[in-house]
């Protein structure tokens, strides 16, 4: 790097000249960075009496003192009223009165009358369904079903099988009921 350095003045050693020039440049930059301004541009300081505003503070303290005193007076009056239980009958036992009660009562009466009229119309009307027709249709359907069926209905309920099934599982000669609950007279032997 020192070989590419070209000093302003002729020198015997370019390496040393570069080092000295670099040191001089850094000193110059430090002096420029630390230089103080000659002209003062900061402006004037505001005086203490303008910053504090003592009169304003005094007025605020007086207002807070007046408010505090009024609060204490109110609190003492309230405690006195609470202790004395009051000398005047100040309890209001008036029933609640609604300005809309009459109108609501009239609407309720109208709705109940309409409901009663609807109920009378519903109960006064004869049924349009005829039970006799339904029963006749049902009998026709049952007759057709009996005609179409392979076996007549009701026969299965009247017939009861009299079979007794005996198993020889376990002990011989002992009869047991099958899963259908029917006993058979035959003896079944295992192979």
N, C-alpha and C. Protein backbone atom coordinates (compact mmCIF):
# COMPACT_ATOMS: atom_id res chain seq x y z
N UNK A 1 0.82 -1.19 0.00
CA UNK A 1 0.00 0.00 0.00
C UNK A 1 0.87 1.26 0.00
N UNK A 2 1.99 1.22 0.71
CA UNK A 2 2.86 2.40 0.75
C UNK A 2 3.52 2.66 -0.59
N UNK A 3 3.57 1.65 -1.46
CA UNK A 3 4.18 1.86 -2.77
C UNK A 3 3.30 2.71 -3.66
N UNK A 4 1.96 2.65 -3.45
CA UNK A 4 1.07 3.46 -4.27
C UNK A 4 0.92 4.88 -3.72
N UNK A 5 1.44 5.14 -2.52
CA UNK A 5 1.33 6.47 -1.92
C UNK A 5 2.25 7.45 -2.63
N UNK A 6 1.70 8.60 -3.03
CA UNK A 6 2.50 9.63 -3.71
C UNK A 6 2.58 10.85 -2.81
N UNK A 7 3.72 11.08 -2.14
CA UNK A 7 3.84 12.26 -1.26
C UNK A 7 3.89 13.54 -2.07
N UNK A 8 3.54 14.64 -1.41
CA UNK A 8 3.54 15.93 -2.08
C UNK A 8 4.98 16.43 -2.31
N UNK A 9 5.82 16.12 -1.39
CA UNK A 9 7.23 16.53 -1.50
C UNK A 9 8.08 15.30 -1.76
N UNK A 10 9.20 15.49 -2.36
CA UNK A 10 10.07 14.32 -2.58
C UNK A 10 10.60 13.79 -1.24
N UNK A 11 10.65 12.45 -1.12
CA UNK A 11 11.07 11.83 0.14
C UNK A 11 11.92 10.61 -0.17
N UNK A 12 12.73 10.23 0.80
CA UNK A 12 13.59 9.06 0.60
C UNK A 12 12.84 7.77 0.96
N UNK A 13 11.93 7.86 1.95
CA UNK A 13 11.20 6.67 2.39
C UNK A 13 9.68 6.94 2.31
N UNK A 14 9.06 6.30 1.36
CA UNK A 14 7.62 6.52 1.16
C UNK A 14 6.80 5.93 2.32
N UNK A 15 7.27 4.85 2.90
CA UNK A 15 6.54 4.20 4.00
C UNK A 15 6.46 5.13 5.19
N UNK A 16 7.60 5.71 5.60
CA UNK A 16 7.60 6.61 6.76
C UNK A 16 6.81 7.88 6.45
N UNK A 17 6.96 8.40 5.24
CA UNK A 17 6.25 9.64 4.87
C UNK A 17 4.72 9.41 4.94
N UNK A 18 4.29 8.24 4.50
CA UNK A 18 2.85 7.94 4.56
C UNK A 18 2.39 7.89 6.01
N UNK A 19 3.16 7.28 6.88
CA UNK A 19 2.80 7.17 8.29
C UNK A 19 2.71 8.54 8.92
N UNK A 20 3.65 9.44 8.60
CA UNK A 20 3.64 10.78 9.19
C UNK A 20 2.46 11.59 8.66
N UNK A 21 2.21 11.47 7.37
CA UNK A 21 1.07 12.20 6.78
C UNK A 21 -0.28 11.72 7.39
N UNK A 22 -0.36 10.44 7.58
CA UNK A 22 -1.59 9.88 8.18
C UNK A 22 -1.77 10.39 9.60
N UNK A 23 -0.71 10.44 10.37
CA UNK A 23 -0.78 10.93 11.76
C UNK A 23 -1.18 12.39 11.78
N UNK A 24 -0.60 13.18 10.87
CA UNK A 24 -0.92 14.60 10.80
C UNK A 24 -2.41 14.80 10.41
N UNK A 25 -2.90 13.99 9.50
CA UNK A 25 -4.30 14.10 9.06
C UNK A 25 -5.26 13.76 10.22
N UNK A 26 -4.95 12.72 10.98
CA UNK A 26 -5.79 12.35 12.12
C UNK A 26 -5.79 13.43 13.19
N UNK A 27 -4.63 14.05 13.44
CA UNK A 27 -4.58 15.16 14.41
C UNK A 27 -5.46 16.31 13.94
N UNK A 28 -5.39 16.61 12.65
CA UNK A 28 -6.21 17.69 12.09
C UNK A 28 -7.71 17.39 12.25
N UNK A 29 -8.13 16.14 11.98
CA UNK A 29 -9.55 15.77 12.11
C UNK A 29 -10.00 15.87 13.57
N UNK A 30 -9.12 15.47 14.51
CA UNK A 30 -9.46 15.57 15.93
C UNK A 30 -9.62 17.03 16.35
N UNK A 31 -8.76 17.92 15.83
CA UNK A 31 -8.86 19.34 16.18
C UNK A 31 -10.15 19.94 15.62
N UNK A 32 -10.51 19.53 14.38
CA UNK A 32 -11.74 20.04 13.79
C UNK A 32 -12.96 19.55 14.58
N UNK A 33 -12.93 18.30 15.01
CA UNK A 33 -14.04 17.72 15.76
C UNK A 33 -14.19 18.39 17.13
N UNK A 34 -13.07 18.73 17.76
CA UNK A 34 -13.11 19.30 19.11
C UNK A 34 -13.14 20.82 19.10
N UNK A 35 -13.23 21.44 17.95
CA UNK A 35 -13.20 22.91 17.88
C UNK A 35 -14.46 23.49 18.50
N UNK A 36 -14.34 24.57 19.25
CA UNK A 36 -15.46 25.26 19.89
C UNK A 36 -15.88 26.41 19.00
N UNK A 37 -17.20 26.71 18.98
CA UNK A 37 -17.64 27.84 18.15
C UNK A 37 -17.18 29.17 18.75
N UNK A 38 -16.91 30.10 17.89
CA UNK A 38 -16.46 31.42 18.34
C UNK A 38 -17.67 32.28 18.69
N UNK A 39 -18.76 32.10 17.94
CA UNK A 39 -19.96 32.89 18.16
C UNK A 39 -20.93 32.07 19.02
N UNK A 40 -21.52 32.69 20.05
CA UNK A 40 -22.47 32.02 20.93
C UNK A 40 -23.86 32.13 20.30
N UNK A 41 -24.43 31.01 19.89
CA UNK A 41 -25.76 31.01 19.25
C UNK A 41 -26.82 30.31 20.11
N UNK A 42 -26.57 30.13 21.38
CA UNK A 42 -27.49 29.39 22.24
C UNK A 42 -28.71 30.21 22.64
N UNK A 43 -28.69 31.46 22.61
CA UNK A 43 -29.82 32.29 23.03
C UNK A 43 -29.73 32.60 24.52
N UNK A 44 -30.63 33.49 24.96
CA UNK A 44 -30.57 33.92 26.36
C UNK A 44 -31.37 32.96 27.23
N UNK A 45 -31.01 32.86 28.48
CA UNK A 45 -31.74 32.02 29.43
C UNK A 45 -32.94 32.78 29.95
N UNK A 46 -34.06 32.05 30.09
CA UNK A 46 -35.25 32.71 30.64
C UNK A 46 -35.05 32.92 32.13
N UNK A 47 -35.47 34.06 32.62
CA UNK A 47 -35.27 34.35 34.04
C UNK A 47 -36.08 33.40 34.93
N UNK A 48 -35.65 33.24 36.16
CA UNK A 48 -36.27 32.30 37.10
C UNK A 48 -37.70 32.72 37.44
N UNK A 49 -37.95 34.05 37.57
CA UNK A 49 -39.30 34.49 37.94
C UNK A 49 -40.32 34.25 36.82
N UNK A 50 -39.83 34.14 35.57
CA UNK A 50 -40.74 33.85 34.46
C UNK A 50 -41.01 32.34 34.38
N UNK A 51 -40.01 31.54 34.72
CA UNK A 51 -40.17 30.08 34.66
C UNK A 51 -41.09 29.58 35.77
N UNK A 52 -40.96 30.08 36.98
CA UNK A 52 -41.71 29.56 38.12
C UNK A 52 -43.16 30.05 38.17
N UNK A 53 -43.43 31.29 37.84
CA UNK A 53 -44.76 31.88 37.91
C UNK A 53 -45.35 31.71 39.31
N UNK A 54 -44.74 32.41 40.25
CA UNK A 54 -45.10 32.27 41.65
C UNK A 54 -46.54 32.71 41.93
N UNK A 55 -47.02 33.71 41.22
CA UNK A 55 -48.38 34.19 41.45
C UNK A 55 -49.41 33.10 41.09
N UNK A 56 -49.15 32.39 40.00
CA UNK A 56 -50.05 31.32 39.59
C UNK A 56 -50.08 30.22 40.64
N UNK A 57 -48.92 29.86 41.18
CA UNK A 57 -48.85 28.85 42.22
C UNK A 57 -49.63 29.29 43.46
N UNK A 58 -49.50 30.58 43.81
CA UNK A 58 -50.19 31.09 44.98
C UNK A 58 -51.71 31.02 44.80
N UNK A 59 -52.21 31.38 43.61
CA UNK A 59 -53.65 31.33 43.34
C UNK A 59 -54.16 29.88 43.40
N UNK A 60 -53.40 28.93 42.88
CA UNK A 60 -53.80 27.52 42.92
C UNK A 60 -53.87 27.00 44.35
N UNK A 61 -52.89 27.40 45.18
CA UNK A 61 -52.90 26.97 46.58
C UNK A 61 -54.10 27.54 47.31
N UNK A 62 -54.46 28.81 47.03
CA UNK A 62 -55.62 29.42 47.68
C UNK A 62 -56.91 28.71 47.26
N UNK A 63 -57.04 28.37 45.97
CA UNK A 63 -58.23 27.65 45.50
C UNK A 63 -58.35 26.28 46.14
N UNK A 64 -57.22 25.55 46.22
CA UNK A 64 -57.26 24.22 46.84
C UNK A 64 -57.60 24.32 48.32
N UNK A 65 -57.15 25.41 48.99
CA UNK A 65 -57.48 25.59 50.41
C UNK A 65 -58.97 25.85 50.58
N UNK A 66 -59.57 26.67 49.68
CA UNK A 66 -61.01 26.95 49.75
C UNK A 66 -61.81 25.67 49.50
N UNK A 67 -61.41 24.88 48.52
CA UNK A 67 -62.11 23.63 48.21
C UNK A 67 -62.02 22.66 49.37
N UNK A 68 -60.85 22.57 49.98
CA UNK A 68 -60.66 21.67 51.11
C UNK A 68 -61.55 22.08 52.29
N UNK A 69 -61.63 23.38 52.54
CA UNK A 69 -62.46 23.87 53.65
C UNK A 69 -63.93 23.57 53.38
N UNK A 70 -64.40 23.79 52.14
CA UNK A 70 -65.79 23.50 51.80
C UNK A 70 -66.10 22.00 51.94
N UNK A 71 -65.16 21.16 51.55
CA UNK A 71 -65.35 19.71 51.68
C UNK A 71 -65.48 19.31 53.15
N UNK A 72 -64.67 19.92 54.00
CA UNK A 72 -64.75 19.61 55.43
C UNK A 72 -66.09 20.05 56.01
N UNK A 73 -66.58 21.24 55.58
CA UNK A 73 -67.88 21.71 56.06
C UNK A 73 -69.00 20.76 55.63
N UNK A 74 -68.97 20.33 54.37
CA UNK A 74 -69.99 19.40 53.88
C UNK A 74 -69.95 18.07 54.63
N UNK A 75 -68.74 17.57 54.86
CA UNK A 75 -68.60 16.30 55.58
C UNK A 75 -69.13 16.42 57.00
N UNK A 76 -68.86 17.54 57.67
CA UNK A 76 -69.36 17.71 59.04
C UNK A 76 -70.88 17.81 59.05
N UNK A 77 -71.46 18.50 58.05
CA UNK A 77 -72.92 18.59 57.98
C UNK A 77 -73.56 17.22 57.73
N UNK A 78 -72.95 16.44 56.83
CA UNK A 78 -73.49 15.11 56.54
C UNK A 78 -73.42 14.19 57.76
N UNK A 79 -72.32 14.25 58.51
CA UNK A 79 -72.24 13.41 59.72
C UNK A 79 -73.25 13.87 60.76
N UNK A 80 -73.49 15.20 60.87
CA UNK A 80 -74.49 15.69 61.81
C UNK A 80 -75.88 15.21 61.42
N UNK A 81 -76.21 15.23 60.13
CA UNK A 81 -77.51 14.75 59.67
C UNK A 81 -77.64 13.25 59.93
N UNK A 82 -76.56 12.50 59.69
CA UNK A 82 -76.59 11.06 59.89
C UNK A 82 -76.80 10.71 61.36
N UNK A 83 -76.17 11.49 62.28
CA UNK A 83 -76.30 11.22 63.72
C UNK A 83 -77.69 11.58 64.22
N UNK A 84 -78.27 12.66 63.70
CA UNK A 84 -79.54 13.15 64.23
C UNK A 84 -80.73 12.38 63.69
N UNK A 85 -80.55 11.57 62.65
CA UNK A 85 -81.61 10.82 62.00
C UNK A 85 -82.67 11.70 61.37
N UNK A 86 -82.49 12.98 61.32
CA UNK A 86 -83.41 13.90 60.66
C UNK A 86 -84.62 14.22 61.53
N UNK A 87 -85.00 15.46 61.56
CA UNK A 87 -86.16 15.87 62.36
C UNK A 87 -87.42 15.94 61.51
N UNK A 88 -87.29 15.98 60.21
CA UNK A 88 -88.43 16.09 59.31
C UNK A 88 -88.65 14.73 58.66
N UNK A 89 -89.94 14.41 58.44
CA UNK A 89 -90.23 13.16 57.75
C UNK A 89 -89.89 13.33 56.27
N UNK A 90 -88.74 12.84 55.91
CA UNK A 90 -88.26 13.02 54.55
C UNK A 90 -88.33 11.73 53.75
N UNK A 91 -89.05 10.73 54.27
CA UNK A 91 -89.18 9.48 53.53
C UNK A 91 -90.39 9.59 52.61
N UNK A 92 -90.22 9.29 51.36
CA UNK A 92 -91.30 9.34 50.37
C UNK A 92 -91.79 7.93 50.12
N UNK A 93 -93.02 7.64 50.58
CA UNK A 93 -93.60 6.31 50.39
C UNK A 93 -94.69 6.36 49.34
N UNK A 94 -94.43 7.01 48.25
CA UNK A 94 -95.43 7.10 47.19
C UNK A 94 -95.33 5.88 46.29
N UNK A 95 -96.47 5.33 45.91
CA UNK A 95 -96.41 4.17 44.98
C UNK A 95 -95.96 4.64 43.60
N UNK A 96 -95.30 3.73 42.90
CA UNK A 96 -94.86 4.05 41.55
C UNK A 96 -96.05 4.23 40.63
N UNK A 97 -96.05 5.24 39.84
CA UNK A 97 -97.18 5.53 38.96
C UNK A 97 -96.66 5.63 37.54
N UNK A 98 -97.29 4.85 36.69
CA UNK A 98 -96.88 4.86 35.29
C UNK A 98 -97.89 5.66 34.47
N UNK A 99 -97.40 6.51 33.59
CA UNK A 99 -98.28 7.29 32.72
C UNK A 99 -98.87 6.43 31.60
N UNK A 100 -98.28 5.26 31.40
CA UNK A 100 -98.67 4.40 30.29
C UNK A 100 -99.56 3.25 30.74
N UNK A 101 -99.90 3.18 32.04
CA UNK A 101 -100.60 2.01 32.58
C UNK A 101 -101.98 1.84 31.96
N UNK A 102 -102.71 2.93 31.81
CA UNK A 102 -104.07 2.86 31.27
C UNK A 102 -104.06 2.29 29.85
N UNK A 103 -103.14 2.74 29.03
CA UNK A 103 -103.05 2.29 27.65
C UNK A 103 -102.68 0.81 27.58
N UNK A 104 -101.71 0.40 28.44
CA UNK A 104 -101.32 -1.01 28.46
C UNK A 104 -102.48 -1.89 28.92
N UNK A 105 -103.26 -1.42 29.89
CA UNK A 105 -104.41 -2.18 30.37
C UNK A 105 -105.44 -2.34 29.25
N UNK A 106 -105.67 -1.28 28.48
CA UNK A 106 -106.62 -1.35 27.37
C UNK A 106 -106.14 -2.32 26.30
N UNK A 107 -104.84 -2.30 25.99
CA UNK A 107 -104.29 -3.23 24.99
C UNK A 107 -104.42 -4.67 25.47
N UNK A 108 -104.15 -4.91 26.76
CA UNK A 108 -104.25 -6.26 27.30
C UNK A 108 -105.70 -6.76 27.23
N UNK A 109 -106.64 -5.88 27.55
CA UNK A 109 -108.05 -6.25 27.48
C UNK A 109 -108.46 -6.59 26.04
N UNK A 110 -107.98 -5.80 25.09
CA UNK A 110 -108.30 -6.04 23.68
C UNK A 110 -107.73 -7.39 23.22
N UNK A 111 -106.48 -7.68 23.63
CA UNK A 111 -105.85 -8.94 23.22
C UNK A 111 -106.61 -10.13 23.81
N UNK A 112 -107.02 -10.04 25.08
CA UNK A 112 -107.75 -11.16 25.68
C UNK A 112 -109.11 -11.37 25.00
N UNK A 113 -109.78 -10.28 24.62
CA UNK A 113 -111.06 -10.42 23.92
C UNK A 113 -110.87 -11.08 22.56
N UNK A 114 -109.81 -10.69 21.85
CA UNK A 114 -109.53 -11.31 20.54
C UNK A 114 -109.23 -12.79 20.71
N UNK A 115 -108.46 -13.13 21.74
CA UNK A 115 -108.13 -14.55 21.98
C UNK A 115 -109.38 -15.35 22.29
N UNK A 116 -110.29 -14.78 23.10
CA UNK A 116 -111.53 -15.49 23.41
C UNK A 116 -112.39 -15.68 22.16
N UNK A 117 -112.42 -14.67 21.29
CA UNK A 117 -113.19 -14.80 20.06
C UNK A 117 -112.62 -15.91 19.17
N UNK A 118 -111.30 -15.97 19.08
CA UNK A 118 -110.66 -17.02 18.28
C UNK A 118 -110.95 -18.38 18.88
N UNK A 119 -110.89 -18.50 20.21
CA UNK A 119 -111.18 -19.76 20.88
C UNK A 119 -112.62 -20.20 20.61
N UNK A 120 -113.57 -19.26 20.67
CA UNK A 120 -114.98 -19.59 20.41
C UNK A 120 -115.16 -20.08 18.97
N UNK A 121 -114.49 -19.45 18.02
CA UNK A 121 -114.60 -19.87 16.63
C UNK A 121 -114.03 -21.26 16.43
N UNK A 122 -112.89 -21.54 17.11
CA UNK A 122 -112.25 -22.85 16.95
C UNK A 122 -113.12 -23.94 17.56
N UNK A 123 -113.63 -23.70 18.78
CA UNK A 123 -114.41 -24.75 19.45
C UNK A 123 -115.80 -24.90 18.84
N UNK A 124 -116.34 -23.86 18.25
CA UNK A 124 -117.68 -23.93 17.66
C UNK A 124 -117.71 -24.62 16.32
N UNK A 125 -116.60 -24.82 15.68
CA UNK A 125 -116.56 -25.42 14.34
C UNK A 125 -116.56 -26.94 14.44
N UNK A 126 -117.30 -27.59 13.52
CA UNK A 126 -117.35 -29.05 13.49
C UNK A 126 -116.09 -29.57 12.80
N UNK A 127 -115.71 -30.75 13.19
CA UNK A 127 -114.52 -31.38 12.62
C UNK A 127 -114.77 -31.78 11.18
N UNK A 128 -113.78 -31.60 10.35
CA UNK A 128 -113.90 -32.00 8.95
C UNK A 128 -113.46 -33.44 8.75
N UNK A 129 -112.85 -34.02 9.75
CA UNK A 129 -112.44 -35.42 9.67
C UNK A 129 -113.61 -36.30 10.11
N UNK A 130 -113.83 -37.39 9.34
CA UNK A 130 -114.92 -38.31 9.69
C UNK A 130 -114.31 -39.64 10.09
N UNK A 131 -114.52 -39.96 11.34
CA UNK A 131 -113.95 -41.17 11.89
C UNK A 131 -114.53 -42.42 11.25
N UNK A 132 -115.79 -42.37 10.89
CA UNK A 132 -116.45 -43.54 10.29
C UNK A 132 -115.80 -43.91 8.96
N UNK A 133 -115.46 -42.88 8.16
CA UNK A 133 -114.79 -43.15 6.88
C UNK A 133 -113.44 -43.81 7.10
N UNK A 134 -112.71 -43.31 8.10
CA UNK A 134 -111.39 -43.89 8.39
C UNK A 134 -111.53 -45.36 8.78
N UNK A 135 -112.52 -45.67 9.63
CA UNK A 135 -112.70 -47.06 10.08
C UNK A 135 -113.12 -47.96 8.91
N UNK A 136 -113.99 -47.45 8.03
CA UNK A 136 -114.38 -48.24 6.86
C UNK A 136 -113.19 -48.52 5.96
N UNK A 137 -112.38 -47.49 5.72
CA UNK A 137 -111.18 -47.68 4.88
C UNK A 137 -110.23 -48.70 5.51
N UNK A 138 -110.10 -48.64 6.83
CA UNK A 138 -109.21 -49.57 7.51
C UNK A 138 -109.71 -51.00 7.37
N UNK A 139 -111.00 -51.19 7.49
CA UNK A 139 -111.56 -52.54 7.35
C UNK A 139 -111.35 -53.06 5.93
N UNK A 140 -111.53 -52.18 4.92
CA UNK A 140 -111.28 -52.58 3.53
C UNK A 140 -109.83 -53.01 3.35
N UNK A 141 -108.90 -52.22 3.91
CA UNK A 141 -107.48 -52.54 3.77
C UNK A 141 -107.18 -53.88 4.42
N UNK A 142 -107.77 -54.14 5.61
CA UNK A 142 -107.52 -55.41 6.29
C UNK A 142 -108.07 -56.58 5.48
N UNK A 143 -109.25 -56.40 4.88
CA UNK A 143 -109.83 -57.48 4.08
C UNK A 143 -108.96 -57.77 2.86
N UNK A 144 -108.50 -56.71 2.20
CA UNK A 144 -107.60 -56.92 1.03
C UNK A 144 -106.32 -57.63 1.45
N UNK A 145 -105.76 -57.24 2.59
CA UNK A 145 -104.52 -57.85 3.06
C UNK A 145 -104.76 -59.32 3.38
N UNK A 146 -105.91 -59.63 3.97
CA UNK A 146 -106.21 -61.03 4.26
C UNK A 146 -106.40 -61.83 2.97
N UNK A 147 -106.99 -61.18 1.96
CA UNK A 147 -107.20 -61.87 0.68
C UNK A 147 -105.87 -62.12 -0.03
N UNK A 148 -104.96 -61.18 0.06
CA UNK A 148 -103.67 -61.30 -0.62
C UNK A 148 -102.73 -62.24 0.12
N UNK A 149 -102.84 -62.31 1.46
CA UNK A 149 -101.88 -63.08 2.27
C UNK A 149 -101.96 -64.56 1.95
N UNK A 150 -100.83 -65.23 2.09
CA UNK A 150 -100.76 -66.65 1.82
C UNK A 150 -101.43 -67.45 2.93
N UNK A 151 -101.16 -67.00 4.17
CA UNK A 151 -101.77 -67.65 5.32
C UNK A 151 -102.70 -66.64 5.98
N UNK A 152 -103.80 -67.09 6.51
CA UNK A 152 -104.72 -66.14 7.15
C UNK A 152 -104.12 -65.57 8.43
N UNK A 153 -104.53 -64.35 8.72
CA UNK A 153 -104.00 -63.69 9.92
C UNK A 153 -104.71 -64.22 11.15
N UNK A 154 -103.99 -64.21 12.28
CA UNK A 154 -104.59 -64.64 13.53
C UNK A 154 -104.42 -66.12 13.80
N UNK A 155 -104.08 -66.91 12.80
CA UNK A 155 -103.91 -68.34 13.00
C UNK A 155 -102.63 -68.60 13.78
N UNK A 156 -101.62 -67.82 13.55
CA UNK A 156 -100.33 -68.04 14.22
C UNK A 156 -100.46 -67.84 15.72
N UNK A 157 -101.33 -67.01 16.15
CA UNK A 157 -101.46 -66.76 17.58
C UNK A 157 -102.22 -67.90 18.27
N UNK A 158 -103.12 -68.56 17.56
CA UNK A 158 -103.92 -69.61 18.17
C UNK A 158 -103.18 -70.94 18.23
N UNK A 159 -102.27 -71.21 17.29
CA UNK A 159 -101.54 -72.47 17.27
C UNK A 159 -100.36 -72.41 18.22
N UNK A 160 -100.18 -73.44 19.02
CA UNK A 160 -99.02 -73.54 19.90
C UNK A 160 -98.38 -74.89 19.66
N UNK A 161 -97.09 -74.91 19.37
CA UNK A 161 -96.44 -76.21 19.11
C UNK A 161 -96.30 -77.00 20.42
N UNK A 162 -96.46 -78.29 20.34
CA UNK A 162 -96.35 -79.17 21.51
C UNK A 162 -95.12 -80.05 21.38
N UNK A 163 -94.03 -79.53 20.87
CA UNK A 163 -92.83 -80.32 20.69
C UNK A 163 -91.96 -80.19 21.93
N UNK A 164 -91.30 -81.27 22.27
CA UNK A 164 -90.38 -81.26 23.40
C UNK A 164 -89.04 -81.77 22.89
N UNK A 165 -87.99 -80.95 23.00
CA UNK A 165 -86.67 -81.30 22.47
C UNK A 165 -85.79 -81.68 23.65
N UNK A 166 -85.10 -82.85 23.54
CA UNK A 166 -84.20 -83.29 24.60
C UNK A 166 -82.78 -83.31 24.04
N UNK A 167 -81.89 -82.78 24.83
CA UNK A 167 -80.48 -82.80 24.46
C UNK A 167 -79.75 -83.75 25.37
N UNK A 168 -78.75 -84.45 24.83
CA UNK A 168 -77.98 -85.34 25.69
C UNK A 168 -76.61 -84.73 25.97
N UNK A 169 -76.52 -83.43 26.02
CA UNK A 169 -75.24 -82.79 26.34
C UNK A 169 -75.09 -82.79 27.85
N UNK A 170 -74.10 -83.39 28.35
CA UNK A 170 -73.91 -83.44 29.79
C UNK A 170 -74.34 -84.78 30.33
N UNK A 171 -75.59 -84.90 30.73
CA UNK A 171 -76.09 -86.14 31.32
C UNK A 171 -77.12 -86.76 30.37
N UNK A 172 -77.15 -88.08 30.34
CA UNK A 172 -78.11 -88.77 29.48
C UNK A 172 -79.43 -88.92 30.19
N UNK A 173 -80.47 -88.87 29.42
CA UNK A 173 -81.79 -89.08 29.97
C UNK A 173 -82.39 -87.80 30.56
N UNK A 174 -81.65 -86.68 30.53
CA UNK A 174 -82.16 -85.43 31.11
C UNK A 174 -82.66 -84.54 29.98
N UNK A 175 -83.82 -84.01 30.10
CA UNK A 175 -84.37 -83.18 29.04
C UNK A 175 -84.05 -81.72 29.35
N UNK A 176 -83.72 -80.97 28.32
CA UNK A 176 -83.43 -79.54 28.47
C UNK A 176 -84.26 -78.77 27.47
N UNK A 177 -84.54 -77.54 27.80
CA UNK A 177 -85.33 -76.70 26.89
C UNK A 177 -84.39 -76.12 25.84
N UNK A 178 -84.90 -75.99 24.63
CA UNK A 178 -84.12 -75.37 23.56
C UNK A 178 -84.22 -73.86 23.67
N UNK A 179 -83.55 -73.16 22.75
CA UNK A 179 -83.58 -71.69 22.77
C UNK A 179 -84.97 -71.16 22.47
N UNK A 180 -85.81 -71.97 21.82
CA UNK A 180 -87.17 -71.53 21.54
C UNK A 180 -88.08 -71.80 22.71
N UNK A 181 -87.60 -72.53 23.75
CA UNK A 181 -88.41 -72.80 24.93
C UNK A 181 -89.33 -73.98 24.75
N UNK A 182 -89.10 -74.83 23.72
CA UNK A 182 -89.98 -75.96 23.42
C UNK A 182 -89.22 -77.25 23.69
N UNK A 183 -89.88 -78.17 24.36
CA UNK A 183 -89.24 -79.47 24.61
C UNK A 183 -89.71 -80.48 23.58
N UNK A 184 -88.81 -81.38 23.21
CA UNK A 184 -89.13 -82.39 22.23
C UNK A 184 -89.06 -83.76 22.90
N UNK A 185 -89.85 -84.72 22.45
CA UNK A 185 -89.88 -86.04 23.05
C UNK A 185 -88.72 -86.90 22.56
N UNK A 186 -88.03 -86.48 21.49
CA UNK A 186 -86.96 -87.29 20.91
C UNK A 186 -85.69 -87.13 21.72
N UNK A 187 -84.86 -88.17 21.76
CA UNK A 187 -83.53 -88.10 22.37
C UNK A 187 -82.53 -87.82 21.28
N UNK A 188 -81.70 -86.77 21.47
CA UNK A 188 -80.68 -86.43 20.50
C UNK A 188 -79.35 -86.82 21.10
N UNK A 189 -78.58 -87.64 20.39
CA UNK A 189 -77.29 -88.10 20.92
C UNK A 189 -76.18 -87.46 20.12
N UNK A 190 -75.04 -87.24 20.80
CA UNK A 190 -73.88 -86.66 20.14
C UNK A 190 -73.04 -87.77 19.52
N UNK A 191 -72.35 -87.52 18.47
CA UNK A 191 -71.48 -88.49 17.80
C UNK A 191 -70.09 -88.42 18.37
